[in-house]
PDB file of N, CA and C in Angstrom:
ATOM      1  N   UNK A   1      10.605  22.292 -41.351  1.00  0.00           N
ATOM      2  CA  UNK A   1      11.443  21.220 -40.832  1.00  0.00           C
ATOM      3  C   UNK A   1      12.457  21.784 -39.837  1.00  0.00           C
ATOM      4  N   UNK A   2      13.066  22.891 -40.205  1.00  0.00           N
ATOM      5  CA  UNK A   2      14.064  23.537 -39.348  1.00  0.00           C
ATOM      6  C   UNK A   2      13.417  23.964 -38.028  1.00  0.00           C
ATOM      7  N   UNK A   3      12.204  24.506 -38.122  1.00  0.00           N
ATOM      8  CA  UNK A   3      11.501  24.973 -36.929  1.00  0.00           C
ATOM      9  C   UNK A   3      11.176  23.810 -35.993  1.00  0.00           C
ATOM     10  N   UNK A   4      10.797  22.674 -36.534  1.00  0.00           N
ATOM     11  CA  UNK A   4      10.492  21.491 -35.725  1.00  0.00           C
ATOM     12  C   UNK A   4      11.731  20.999 -35.001  1.00  0.00           C
ATOM     13  N   UNK A   5      12.859  20.990 -35.680  1.00  0.00           N
ATOM     14  CA  UNK A   5      14.103  20.540 -35.053  1.00  0.00           C
ATOM     15  C   UNK A   5      14.520  21.498 -33.945  1.00  0.00           C
ATOM     16  N   UNK A   6      14.330  22.802 -34.174  1.00  0.00           N
ATOM     17  CA  UNK A   6      14.664  23.782 -33.141  1.00  0.00           C
ATOM     18  C   UNK A   6      13.747  23.615 -31.929  1.00  0.00           C
ATOM     19  N   UNK A   7      12.477  23.355 -32.176  1.00  0.00           N
ATOM     20  CA  UNK A   7      11.522  23.145 -31.086  1.00  0.00           C
ATOM     21  C   UNK A   7      11.885  21.895 -30.293  1.00  0.00           C
ATOM     22  N   UNK A   8      12.264  20.842 -30.993  1.00  0.00           N
ATOM     23  CA  UNK A   8      12.668  19.598 -30.317  1.00  0.00           C
ATOM     24  C   UNK A   8      13.914  19.842 -29.480  1.00  0.00           C
ATOM     25  N   UNK A   9      14.887  20.569 -30.016  1.00  0.00           N
ATOM     26  CA  UNK A   9      16.117  20.865 -29.281  1.00  0.00           C
ATOM     27  C   UNK A   9      15.814  21.716 -28.051  1.00  0.00           C
ATOM     28  N   UNK A  10      14.947  22.723 -28.207  1.00  0.00           N
ATOM     29  CA  UNK A  10      14.590  23.597 -27.087  1.00  0.00           C
ATOM     30  C   UNK A  10      13.874  22.804 -26.000  1.00  0.00           C
ATOM     31  N   UNK A  11      12.940  21.955 -26.390  1.00  0.00           N
ATOM     32  CA  UNK A  11      12.215  21.146 -25.412  1.00  0.00           C
ATOM     33  C   UNK A  11      13.127  20.135 -24.724  1.00  0.00           C
ATOM     34  N   UNK A  12      14.081  19.589 -25.458  1.00  0.00           N
ATOM     35  CA  UNK A  12      15.047  18.660 -24.851  1.00  0.00           C
ATOM     36  C   UNK A  12      15.883  19.377 -23.806  1.00  0.00           C
ATOM     37  N   UNK A  13      16.312  20.607 -24.121  1.00  0.00           N
ATOM     38  CA  UNK A  13      17.090  21.391 -23.156  1.00  0.00           C
ATOM     39  C   UNK A  13      16.254  21.715 -21.921  1.00  0.00           C
ATOM     40  N   UNK A  14      14.992  22.073 -22.121  1.00  0.00           N
ATOM     41  CA  UNK A  14      14.110  22.354 -20.991  1.00  0.00           C
ATOM     42  C   UNK A  14      13.917  21.115 -20.131  1.00  0.00           C
ATOM     43  N   UNK A  15      13.759  19.978 -20.781  1.00  0.00           N
ATOM     44  CA  UNK A  15      13.584  18.724 -20.054  1.00  0.00           C
ATOM     45  C   UNK A  15      14.813  18.409 -19.209  1.00  0.00           C
ATOM     46  N   UNK A  16      15.997  18.564 -19.790  1.00  0.00           N
ATOM     47  CA  UNK A  16      17.238  18.316 -19.045  1.00  0.00           C
ATOM     48  C   UNK A  16      17.355  19.269 -17.867  1.00  0.00           C
ATOM     49  N   UNK A  17      16.993  20.526 -18.077  1.00  0.00           N
ATOM     50  CA  UNK A  17      17.045  21.513 -17.003  1.00  0.00           C
ATOM     51  C   UNK A  17      16.087  21.143 -15.879  1.00  0.00           C
ATOM     52  N   UNK A  18      14.881  20.749 -16.233  1.00  0.00           N
ATOM     53  CA  UNK A  18      13.901  20.356 -15.224  1.00  0.00           C
ATOM     54  C   UNK A  18      14.329  19.095 -14.478  1.00  0.00           C
ATOM     55  N   UNK A  19      14.944  18.159 -15.173  1.00  0.00           N
ATOM     56  CA  UNK A  19      15.428  16.940 -14.511  1.00  0.00           C
ATOM     57  C   UNK A  19      16.542  17.265 -13.525  1.00  0.00           C
ATOM     58  N   UNK A  20      17.449  18.183 -13.895  1.00  0.00           N
ATOM     59  CA  UNK A  20      18.517  18.591 -12.973  1.00  0.00           C
ATOM     60  C   UNK A  20      17.924  19.285 -11.749  1.00  0.00           C
ATOM     61  N   UNK A  21      16.931  20.137 -11.976  1.00  0.00           N
ATOM     62  CA  UNK A  21      16.278  20.830 -10.870  1.00  0.00           C
ATOM     63  C   UNK A  21      15.577  19.838  -9.947  1.00  0.00           C
ATOM     64  N   UNK A  22      14.897  18.853 -10.536  1.00  0.00           N
ATOM     65  CA  UNK A  22      14.228  17.826  -9.741  1.00  0.00           C
ATOM     66  C   UNK A  22      15.228  17.040  -8.902  1.00  0.00           C
ATOM     67  N   UNK A  23      16.356  16.645  -9.515  1.00  0.00           N
ATOM     68  CA  UNK A  23      17.376  15.896  -8.789  1.00  0.00           C
ATOM     69  C   UNK A  23      17.943  16.719  -7.642  1.00  0.00           C
ATOM     70  N   UNK A  24      18.144  18.010  -7.885  1.00  0.00           N
ATOM     71  CA  UNK A  24      18.662  18.895  -6.848  1.00  0.00           C
ATOM     72  C   UNK A  24      17.680  18.996  -5.686  1.00  0.00           C
ATOM     73  N   UNK A  25      16.408  19.202  -6.001  1.00  0.00           N
ATOM     74  CA  UNK A  25      15.396  19.292  -4.950  1.00  0.00           C
ATOM     75  C   UNK A  25      15.238  17.975  -4.206  1.00  0.00           C
ATOM     76  N   UNK A  26      15.326  16.878  -4.925  1.00  0.00           N
ATOM     77  CA  UNK A  26      15.211  15.563  -4.296  1.00  0.00           C
ATOM     78  C   UNK A  26      16.344  15.325  -3.308  1.00  0.00           C
ATOM     79  N   UNK A  27      17.564  15.664  -3.686  1.00  0.00           N
ATOM     80  CA  UNK A  27      18.694  15.473  -2.774  1.00  0.00           C
ATOM     81  C   UNK A  27      18.581  16.404  -1.572  1.00  0.00           C
ATOM     82  N   UNK A  28      18.082  17.624  -1.781  1.00  0.00           N
ATOM     83  CA  UNK A  28      17.892  18.557  -0.673  1.00  0.00           C
ATOM     84  C   UNK A  28      16.858  18.022   0.317  1.00  0.00           C
ATOM     85  N   UNK A  29      15.767  17.493  -0.195  1.00  0.00           N
ATOM     86  CA  UNK A  29      14.721  16.929   0.664  1.00  0.00           C
ATOM     87  C   UNK A  29      15.251  15.710   1.414  1.00  0.00           C
ATOM     88  N   UNK A  30      15.999  14.853   0.728  1.00  0.00           N
ATOM     89  CA  UNK A  30      16.564  13.669   1.384  1.00  0.00           C
ATOM     90  C   UNK A  30      17.529  14.061   2.489  1.00  0.00           C
ATOM     91  N   UNK A  31      18.334  15.105   2.268  1.00  0.00           N
ATOM     92  CA  UNK A  31      19.260  15.560   3.308  1.00  0.00           C
ATOM     93  C   UNK A  31      18.497  16.087   4.510  1.00  0.00           C
ATOM     94  N   UNK A  32      17.444  16.851   4.242  1.00  0.00           N
ATOM     95  CA  UNK A  32      16.695  17.483   5.320  1.00  0.00           C
ATOM     96  C   UNK A  32      15.897  16.473   6.136  1.00  0.00           C
ATOM     97  N   UNK A  33      15.222  15.540   5.477  1.00  0.00           N
ATOM     98  CA  UNK A  33      14.297  14.651   6.161  1.00  0.00           C
ATOM     99  C   UNK A  33      14.830  13.245   6.396  1.00  0.00           C
ATOM    100  N   UNK A  34      15.934  12.880   5.768  1.00  0.00           N
ATOM    101  CA  UNK A  34      16.459  11.522   5.903  1.00  0.00           C
ATOM    102  C   UNK A  34      16.786  11.145   7.331  1.00  0.00           C
ATOM    103  N   UNK A  35      17.452  12.041   8.048  1.00  0.00           N
ATOM    104  CA  UNK A  35      17.823  11.726   9.428  1.00  0.00           C
ATOM    105  C   UNK A  35      16.616  11.767  10.353  1.00  0.00           C
ATOM    106  N   UNK A  36      15.662  12.633  10.064  1.00  0.00           N
ATOM    107  CA  UNK A  36      14.474  12.743  10.912  1.00  0.00           C
ATOM    108  C   UNK A  36      13.615  11.488  10.806  1.00  0.00           C
ATOM    109  N   UNK A  37      13.484  10.955   9.614  1.00  0.00           N
ATOM    110  CA  UNK A  37      12.649   9.773   9.399  1.00  0.00           C
ATOM    111  C   UNK A  37      13.221   8.558  10.111  1.00  0.00           C
ATOM    112  N   UNK A  38      14.537   8.441  10.154  1.00  0.00           N
ATOM    113  CA  UNK A  38      15.141   7.253  10.753  1.00  0.00           C
ATOM    114  C   UNK A  38      15.148   7.304  12.279  1.00  0.00           C
ATOM    115  N   UNK A  39      14.852   8.460  12.869  1.00  0.00           N
ATOM    116  CA  UNK A  39      14.811   8.576  14.322  1.00  0.00           C
ATOM    117  C   UNK A  39      13.384   8.320  14.812  1.00  0.00           C
ATOM    118  N   UNK A  40      13.222   7.317  15.653  1.00  0.00           N
ATOM    119  CA  UNK A  40      11.913   7.047  16.226  1.00  0.00           C
ATOM    120  C   UNK A  40      12.099   6.408  17.589  1.00  0.00           C
ATOM    121  N   UNK A  41      11.108   6.551  18.419  1.00  0.00           N
ATOM    122  CA  UNK A  41      11.107   5.953  19.748  1.00  0.00           C
ATOM    123  C   UNK A  41       9.926   5.000  19.847  1.00  0.00           C
ATOM    124  N   UNK A  42      10.153   3.878  20.492  1.00  0.00           N
ATOM    125  CA  UNK A  42       9.093   2.905  20.684  1.00  0.00           C
ATOM    126  C   UNK A  42       8.560   3.047  22.098  1.00  0.00           C
ATOM    127  N   UNK A  43       7.258   3.184  22.202  1.00  0.00           N
ATOM    128  CA  UNK A  43       6.619   3.343  23.502  1.00  0.00           C
ATOM    129  C   UNK A  43       5.612   2.211  23.667  1.00  0.00           C
ATOM    130  N   UNK A  44       5.775   1.429  24.715  1.00  0.00           N
ATOM    131  CA  UNK A  44       4.851   0.329  24.991  1.00  0.00           C
ATOM    132  C   UNK A  44       3.687   0.852  25.821  1.00  0.00           C
ATOM    133  N   UNK A  45       2.484   0.535  25.399  1.00  0.00           N
ATOM    134  CA  UNK A  45       1.283   0.961  26.113  1.00  0.00           C
ATOM    135  C   UNK A  45       0.507  -0.286  26.505  1.00  0.00           C
ATOM    136  N   UNK A  46       0.236  -0.419  27.787  1.00  0.00           N
ATOM    137  CA  UNK A  46      -0.514  -1.573  28.281  1.00  0.00           C
ATOM    138  C   UNK A  46      -1.943  -1.126  28.586  1.00  0.00           C
ATOM    139  N   UNK A  47      -2.922  -1.663  27.875  1.00  0.00           N
ATOM    140  CA  UNK A  47      -4.306  -1.287  28.170  1.00  0.00           C
ATOM    141  C   UNK A  47      -4.803  -1.984  29.437  1.00  0.00           C
ATOM    142  N   UNK A  48      -5.679  -1.297  30.138  1.00  0.00           N
ATOM    143  CA  UNK A  48      -6.312  -1.895  31.308  1.00  0.00           C
ATOM    144  C   UNK A  48      -7.631  -2.530  30.872  1.00  0.00           C
ATOM    145  N   UNK A  49      -8.073  -3.532  31.603  1.00  0.00           N
ATOM    146  CA  UNK A  49      -9.335  -4.192  31.261  1.00  0.00           C
ATOM    147  C   UNK A  49     -10.499  -3.208  31.269  1.00  0.00           C
ATOM    148  N   UNK A  50     -10.429  -2.211  32.133  1.00  0.00           N
ATOM    149  CA  UNK A  50     -11.526  -1.240  32.211  1.00  0.00           C
ATOM    150  C   UNK A  50     -11.538  -0.295  31.018  1.00  0.00           C
ATOM    151  N   UNK A  51     -10.455  -0.245  30.251  1.00  0.00           N
ATOM    152  CA  UNK A  51     -10.378   0.646  29.092  1.00  0.00           C
ATOM    153  C   UNK A  51     -10.758  -0.047  27.786  1.00  0.00           C
ATOM    154  N   UNK A  52     -11.088  -1.338  27.842  1.00  0.00           N
ATOM    155  CA  UNK A  52     -11.434  -2.083  26.635  1.00  0.00           C
ATOM    156  C   UNK A  52     -12.943  -2.305  26.621  1.00  0.00           C
ATOM    157  N   UNK A  53     -13.592  -1.864  25.551  1.00  0.00           N
ATOM    158  CA  UNK A  53     -15.045  -1.987  25.429  1.00  0.00           C
ATOM    159  C   UNK A  53     -15.387  -2.868  24.230  1.00  0.00           C
ATOM    160  N   UNK A  54     -16.347  -3.771  24.408  1.00  0.00           N
ATOM    161  CA  UNK A  54     -16.823  -4.620  23.325  1.00  0.00           C
ATOM    162  C   UNK A  54     -18.274  -4.245  23.072  1.00  0.00           C
ATOM    163  N   UNK A  55     -18.544  -3.663  21.913  1.00  0.00           N
ATOM    164  CA  UNK A  55     -19.903  -3.242  21.588  1.00  0.00           C
ATOM    165  C   UNK A  55     -20.709  -4.353  20.934  1.00  0.00           C
ATOM    166  N   UNK A  56     -20.063  -5.143  20.102  1.00  0.00           N
ATOM    167  CA  UNK A  56     -20.759  -6.196  19.364  1.00  0.00           C
ATOM    168  C   UNK A  56     -19.955  -7.484  19.481  1.00  0.00           C
ATOM    169  N   UNK A  57     -20.665  -8.581  19.720  1.00  0.00           N
ATOM    170  CA  UNK A  57     -20.019  -9.888  19.765  1.00  0.00           C
ATOM    171  C   UNK A  57     -20.935 -10.868  19.060  1.00  0.00           C
ATOM    172  N   UNK A  58     -20.368 -11.750  18.289  1.00  0.00           N
ATOM    173  CA  UNK A  58     -21.185 -12.729  17.592  1.00  0.00           C
ATOM    174  C   UNK A  58     -20.363 -13.922  17.162  1.00  0.00           C
ATOM    175  N   UNK A  59     -21.070 -14.998  16.833  1.00  0.00           N
ATOM    176  CA  UNK A  59     -20.437 -16.213  16.341  1.00  0.00           C
ATOM    177  C   UNK A  59     -21.085 -16.547  15.004  1.00  0.00           C
ATOM    178  N   UNK A  60     -20.281 -16.824  14.014  1.00  0.00           N
ATOM    179  CA  UNK A  60     -20.797 -17.197  12.696  1.00  0.00           C
ATOM    180  C   UNK A  60     -20.468 -18.661  12.440  1.00  0.00           C
ATOM    181  N   UNK A  61     -21.419 -19.368  11.875  1.00  0.00           N
ATOM    182  CA  UNK A  61     -21.213 -20.779  11.568  1.00  0.00           C
ATOM    183  C   UNK A  61     -21.756 -21.032  10.180  1.00  0.00           C
ATOM    184  N   UNK A  62     -20.917 -21.551   9.332  1.00  0.00           N
ATOM    185  CA  UNK A  62     -21.303 -21.868   7.958  1.00  0.00           C
ATOM    186  C   UNK A  62     -21.127 -23.369   7.758  1.00  0.00           C
ATOM    187  N   UNK A  63     -22.189 -24.155   7.934  1.00  0.00           N
ATOM    188  CA  UNK A  63     -22.056 -25.604   7.767  1.00  0.00           C
ATOM    189  C   UNK A  63     -21.803 -25.973   6.303  1.00  0.00           C
ATOM    190  N   UNK A  64     -21.027 -27.021   6.120  1.00  0.00           N
ATOM    191  CA  UNK A  64     -20.735 -27.490   4.766  1.00  0.00           C
ATOM    192  C   UNK A  64     -20.541 -29.004   4.788  1.00  0.00           C
ATOM    193  N   UNK A  65     -20.637 -29.591   3.609  1.00  0.00           N
ATOM    194  CA  UNK A  65     -20.406 -31.025   3.440  1.00  0.00           C
ATOM    195  C   UNK A  65     -19.075 -31.222   2.734  1.00  0.00           C
ATOM    196  N   UNK A  66     -18.353 -32.266   3.126  1.00  0.00           N
ATOM    197  CA  UNK A  66     -17.143 -32.662   2.409  1.00  0.00           C
ATOM    198  C   UNK A  66     -17.515 -33.874   1.571  1.00  0.00           C
ATOM    199  N   UNK A  67     -17.420 -33.722   0.265  1.00  0.00           N
ATOM    200  CA  UNK A  67     -17.811 -34.775  -0.669  1.00  0.00           C
ATOM    201  C   UNK A  67     -16.558 -35.252  -1.389  1.00  0.00           C
ATOM    202  N   UNK A  68     -16.385 -36.578  -1.453  1.00  0.00           N
ATOM    203  CA  UNK A  68     -15.262 -37.140  -2.178  1.00  0.00           C
ATOM    204  C   UNK A  68     -15.787 -37.805  -3.437  1.00  0.00           C
ATOM    205  N   UNK A  69     -15.236 -37.381  -4.569  1.00  0.00           N
ATOM    206  CA  UNK A  69     -15.660 -37.952  -5.852  1.00  0.00           C
ATOM    207  C   UNK A  69     -14.466 -37.959  -6.784  1.00  0.00           C
ATOM    208  N   UNK A  70     -14.227 -39.082  -7.396  1.00  0.00           N
ATOM    209  CA  UNK A  70     -13.132 -39.189  -8.355  1.00  0.00           C
ATOM    210  C   UNK A  70     -11.767 -38.960  -7.736  1.00  0.00           C
ATOM    211  N   UNK A  71     -11.603 -39.312  -6.485  1.00  0.00           N
ATOM    212  CA  UNK A  71     -10.319 -39.151  -5.823  1.00  0.00           C
ATOM    213  C   UNK A  71     -10.059 -37.729  -5.334  1.00  0.00           C
ATOM    214  N   UNK A  72     -11.017 -36.836  -5.474  1.00  0.00           N
ATOM    215  CA  UNK A  72     -10.862 -35.455  -5.022  1.00  0.00           C
ATOM    216  C   UNK A  72     -11.898 -35.144  -3.956  1.00  0.00           C
ATOM    217  N   UNK A  73     -11.560 -34.220  -3.065  1.00  0.00           N
ATOM    218  CA  UNK A  73     -12.485 -33.782  -2.026  1.00  0.00           C
ATOM    219  C   UNK A  73     -13.020 -32.400  -2.374  1.00  0.00           C
ATOM    220  N   UNK A  74     -14.304 -32.205  -2.142  1.00  0.00           N
ATOM    221  CA  UNK A  74     -14.957 -30.923  -2.410  1.00  0.00           C
ATOM    222  C   UNK A  74     -15.704 -30.484  -1.162  1.00  0.00           C
ATOM    223  N   UNK A  75     -15.732 -29.187  -0.915  1.00  0.00           N
ATOM    224  CA  UNK A  75     -16.545 -28.626   0.149  1.00  0.00           C
ATOM    225  C   UNK A  75     -17.779 -28.010  -0.490  1.00  0.00           C
ATOM    226  N   UNK A  76     -18.952 -28.477  -0.090  1.00  0.00           N
ATOM    227  CA  UNK A  76     -20.210 -27.951  -0.613  1.00  0.00           C
ATOM    228  C   UNK A  76     -20.979 -27.306   0.531  1.00  0.00           C
ATOM    229  N   UNK A  77     -21.547 -26.133   0.304  1.00  0.00           N
ATOM    230  CA  UNK A  77     -22.317 -25.493   1.376  1.00  0.00           C
ATOM    231  C   UNK A  77     -23.542 -26.327   1.733  1.00  0.00           C
ATOM    232  N   UNK A  78     -23.861 -26.382   3.027  1.00  0.00           N
ATOM    233  CA  UNK A  78     -25.005 -27.164   3.480  1.00  0.00           C
ATOM    234  C   UNK A  78     -26.314 -26.481   3.120  1.00  0.00           C
ATOM    235  N   UNK A  79     -26.277 -25.171   2.932  1.00  0.00           N
ATOM    236  CA  UNK A  79     -27.464 -24.415   2.553  1.00  0.00           C
ATOM    237  C   UNK A  79     -27.154 -23.650   1.281  1.00  0.00           C
ATOM    238  N   UNK A  80     -28.168 -23.386   0.480  1.00  0.00           N
ATOM    239  CA  UNK A  80     -27.974 -22.664  -0.777  1.00  0.00           C
ATOM    240  C   UNK A  80     -27.584 -21.213  -0.536  1.00  0.00           C
ATOM    241  N   UNK A  81     -26.773 -20.688  -1.419  1.00  0.00           N
ATOM    242  CA  UNK A  81     -26.378 -19.282  -1.330  1.00  0.00           C
ATOM    243  C   UNK A  81     -27.554 -18.406  -1.724  1.00  0.00           C
ATOM    244  N   UNK A  82     -27.711 -17.312  -1.032  1.00  0.00           N
ATOM    245  CA  UNK A  82     -28.827 -16.406  -1.330  1.00  0.00           C
ATOM    246  C   UNK A  82     -28.320 -15.192  -2.045  1.00  0.00           C
TER     247      UNK A  82
END
């Protein structure tokens, strides 16, 4: 019983030490990178028509019926699902 309590106390101390170390490292990282992250420049880029390529073009059409029954409207596909 005594050994278990000592192990729990030792592990609790290790946990507290690791949490303090983590907090210290976290604040150091925030100090180092916080100002860098907030600095950014916006650059507008205008594409030319000759730089835009369309490889595939298509139109999809899914016909359906609107059915009213019992005061409600339902959309039913015009063709069965495969």
